[in-house]
Every structure is written in structure tokens, then in C-alpha cells.
Amino acid sequence: MTLILTHIQDHIMTTMLCRELAEEIVAIHHQLQRSQAREEAHI
């Protein structure tokens, strides 16, 4: 039973990390879009 719970916990932690990374990627993408829009406005 302990092995199964450890395996489940590993999956949960991996999923949380994946979600956190995805949120960071989306935030960086939005920052890049805003930065590019500002540059285009100055040209």
C-alpha cells in the first residue's frame, strides 16, 4: 500500500510541476507579446 501511495504522490508532484511550468511559459509569452507590441508602436 505504501508503494502505491508513494507512486500516486510522485504523479501528483509531477503534475503540479508541469502545471507550474505551463503557467510560467504562458506568462513569459504574454510579456513577449506586450514587448513586441510596444516596439512595433515605436517604429
N, C-alpha and C. Protein backbone atom coordinates (compact mmCIF):
# COMPACT_ATOMS: atom_id res chain seq x y z
N MET A 1 0.83 -1.21 0.00
CA MET A 1 0.00 0.00 0.00
C MET A 1 0.87 1.26 0.00
N THR A 2 1.97 1.24 0.76
CA THR A 2 2.85 2.40 0.83
C THR A 2 3.46 2.71 -0.53
N LEU A 3 3.80 1.65 -1.28
CA LEU A 3 4.37 1.84 -2.62
C LEU A 3 3.38 2.53 -3.55
N ILE A 4 2.12 2.14 -3.47
CA ILE A 4 1.08 2.76 -4.31
C ILE A 4 0.90 4.23 -3.93
N LEU A 5 0.86 4.52 -2.63
CA LEU A 5 0.70 5.91 -2.20
C LEU A 5 1.90 6.75 -2.62
N THR A 6 3.09 6.18 -2.54
CA THR A 6 4.29 6.90 -2.98
C THR A 6 4.22 7.18 -4.48
N HIS A 7 3.75 6.20 -5.24
CA HIS A 7 3.62 6.36 -6.69
C HIS A 7 2.58 7.44 -7.01
N ILE A 8 1.48 7.44 -6.31
CA ILE A 8 0.44 8.46 -6.50
C ILE A 8 0.99 9.84 -6.16
N GLN A 9 1.72 9.93 -5.06
CA GLN A 9 2.30 11.21 -4.66
C GLN A 9 3.28 11.71 -5.70
N ASP A 10 4.05 10.81 -6.28
CA ASP A 10 5.00 11.18 -7.33
C ASP A 10 4.26 11.75 -8.54
N HIS A 11 3.16 11.11 -8.92
CA HIS A 11 2.36 11.61 -10.04
C HIS A 11 1.77 12.99 -9.74
N ILE A 12 1.29 13.18 -8.53
CA ILE A 12 0.72 14.47 -8.14
C ILE A 12 1.79 15.56 -8.21
N MET A 13 2.97 15.29 -7.66
CA MET A 13 4.04 16.28 -7.67
C MET A 13 4.48 16.61 -9.09
N THR A 14 4.56 15.59 -9.95
CA THR A 14 4.94 15.81 -11.34
C THR A 14 3.89 16.66 -12.05
N THR A 15 2.63 16.38 -11.79
CA THR A 15 1.54 17.15 -12.39
C THR A 15 1.57 18.60 -11.93
N MET A 16 1.82 18.82 -10.64
CA MET A 16 1.88 20.19 -10.12
C MET A 16 3.05 20.95 -10.74
N LEU A 17 4.19 20.28 -10.90
CA LEU A 17 5.35 20.92 -11.52
C LEU A 17 5.06 21.27 -12.98
N CYS A 18 4.43 20.35 -13.69
CA CYS A 18 4.09 20.57 -15.09
C CYS A 18 3.14 21.77 -15.23
N ARG A 19 2.17 21.86 -14.36
CA ARG A 19 1.21 22.96 -14.40
C ARG A 19 1.92 24.29 -14.12
N GLU A 20 2.81 24.27 -13.11
CA GLU A 20 3.56 25.48 -12.76
C GLU A 20 4.42 25.95 -13.94
N LEU A 21 5.08 25.01 -14.60
CA LEU A 21 5.90 25.35 -15.76
C LEU A 21 5.04 25.93 -16.89
N ALA A 22 3.88 25.32 -17.13
CA ALA A 22 2.99 25.81 -18.18
C ALA A 22 2.52 27.24 -17.88
N GLU A 23 2.21 27.52 -16.62
CA GLU A 23 1.79 28.88 -16.25
C GLU A 23 2.92 29.87 -16.47
N GLU A 24 4.15 29.48 -16.15
CA GLU A 24 5.31 30.36 -16.37
C GLU A 24 5.53 30.62 -17.85
N ILE A 25 5.39 29.59 -18.67
CA ILE A 25 5.56 29.75 -20.12
C ILE A 25 4.52 30.70 -20.68
N VAL A 26 3.28 30.56 -20.24
CA VAL A 26 2.20 31.46 -20.70
C VAL A 26 2.50 32.89 -20.28
N ALA A 27 2.95 33.09 -19.05
CA ALA A 27 3.26 34.44 -18.57
C ALA A 27 4.40 35.06 -19.38
N ILE A 28 5.42 34.29 -19.66
CA ILE A 28 6.55 34.79 -20.47
C ILE A 28 6.07 35.13 -21.88
N HIS A 29 5.22 34.29 -22.43
CA HIS A 29 4.70 34.54 -23.78
C HIS A 29 3.92 35.86 -23.81
N HIS A 30 3.10 36.10 -22.80
CA HIS A 30 2.34 37.35 -22.74
C HIS A 30 3.28 38.55 -22.61
N GLN A 31 4.32 38.42 -21.82
CA GLN A 31 5.29 39.51 -21.68
C GLN A 31 5.96 39.81 -23.01
N LEU A 32 6.34 38.76 -23.73
CA LEU A 32 6.97 38.95 -25.05
C LEU A 32 6.02 39.63 -26.03
N GLN A 33 4.76 39.23 -26.01
CA GLN A 33 3.78 39.86 -26.90
C GLN A 33 3.63 41.34 -26.59
N ARG A 34 3.56 41.70 -25.30
CA ARG A 34 3.44 43.11 -24.94
C ARG A 34 4.69 43.89 -25.36
N SER A 35 5.85 43.29 -25.16
CA SER A 35 7.11 43.94 -25.51
C SER A 35 7.18 44.17 -27.02
N GLN A 36 6.80 43.17 -27.80
CA GLN A 36 6.83 43.30 -29.25
C GLN A 36 5.81 44.33 -29.72
N ALA A 37 4.66 44.40 -29.09
CA ALA A 37 3.66 45.39 -29.47
C ALA A 37 4.16 46.80 -29.21
N ARG A 38 4.86 46.99 -28.09
CA ARG A 38 5.43 48.31 -27.78
C ARG A 38 6.50 48.70 -28.79
N GLU A 39 7.33 47.74 -29.18
CA GLU A 39 8.38 48.02 -30.17
C GLU A 39 7.78 48.39 -31.51
N GLU A 40 6.74 47.69 -31.91
CA GLU A 40 6.08 47.98 -33.19
C GLU A 40 5.40 49.35 -33.15
N ALA A 41 4.92 49.77 -32.00
CA ALA A 41 4.27 51.05 -31.88
C ALA A 41 5.28 52.20 -32.02
N HIS A 42 6.54 51.94 -31.65
CA HIS A 42 7.57 52.97 -31.73
C HIS A 42 8.21 53.06 -33.12
N ILE A 43 7.95 52.08 -33.96
CA ILE A 43 8.55 52.09 -35.31
C ILE A 43 7.78 52.93 -36.26
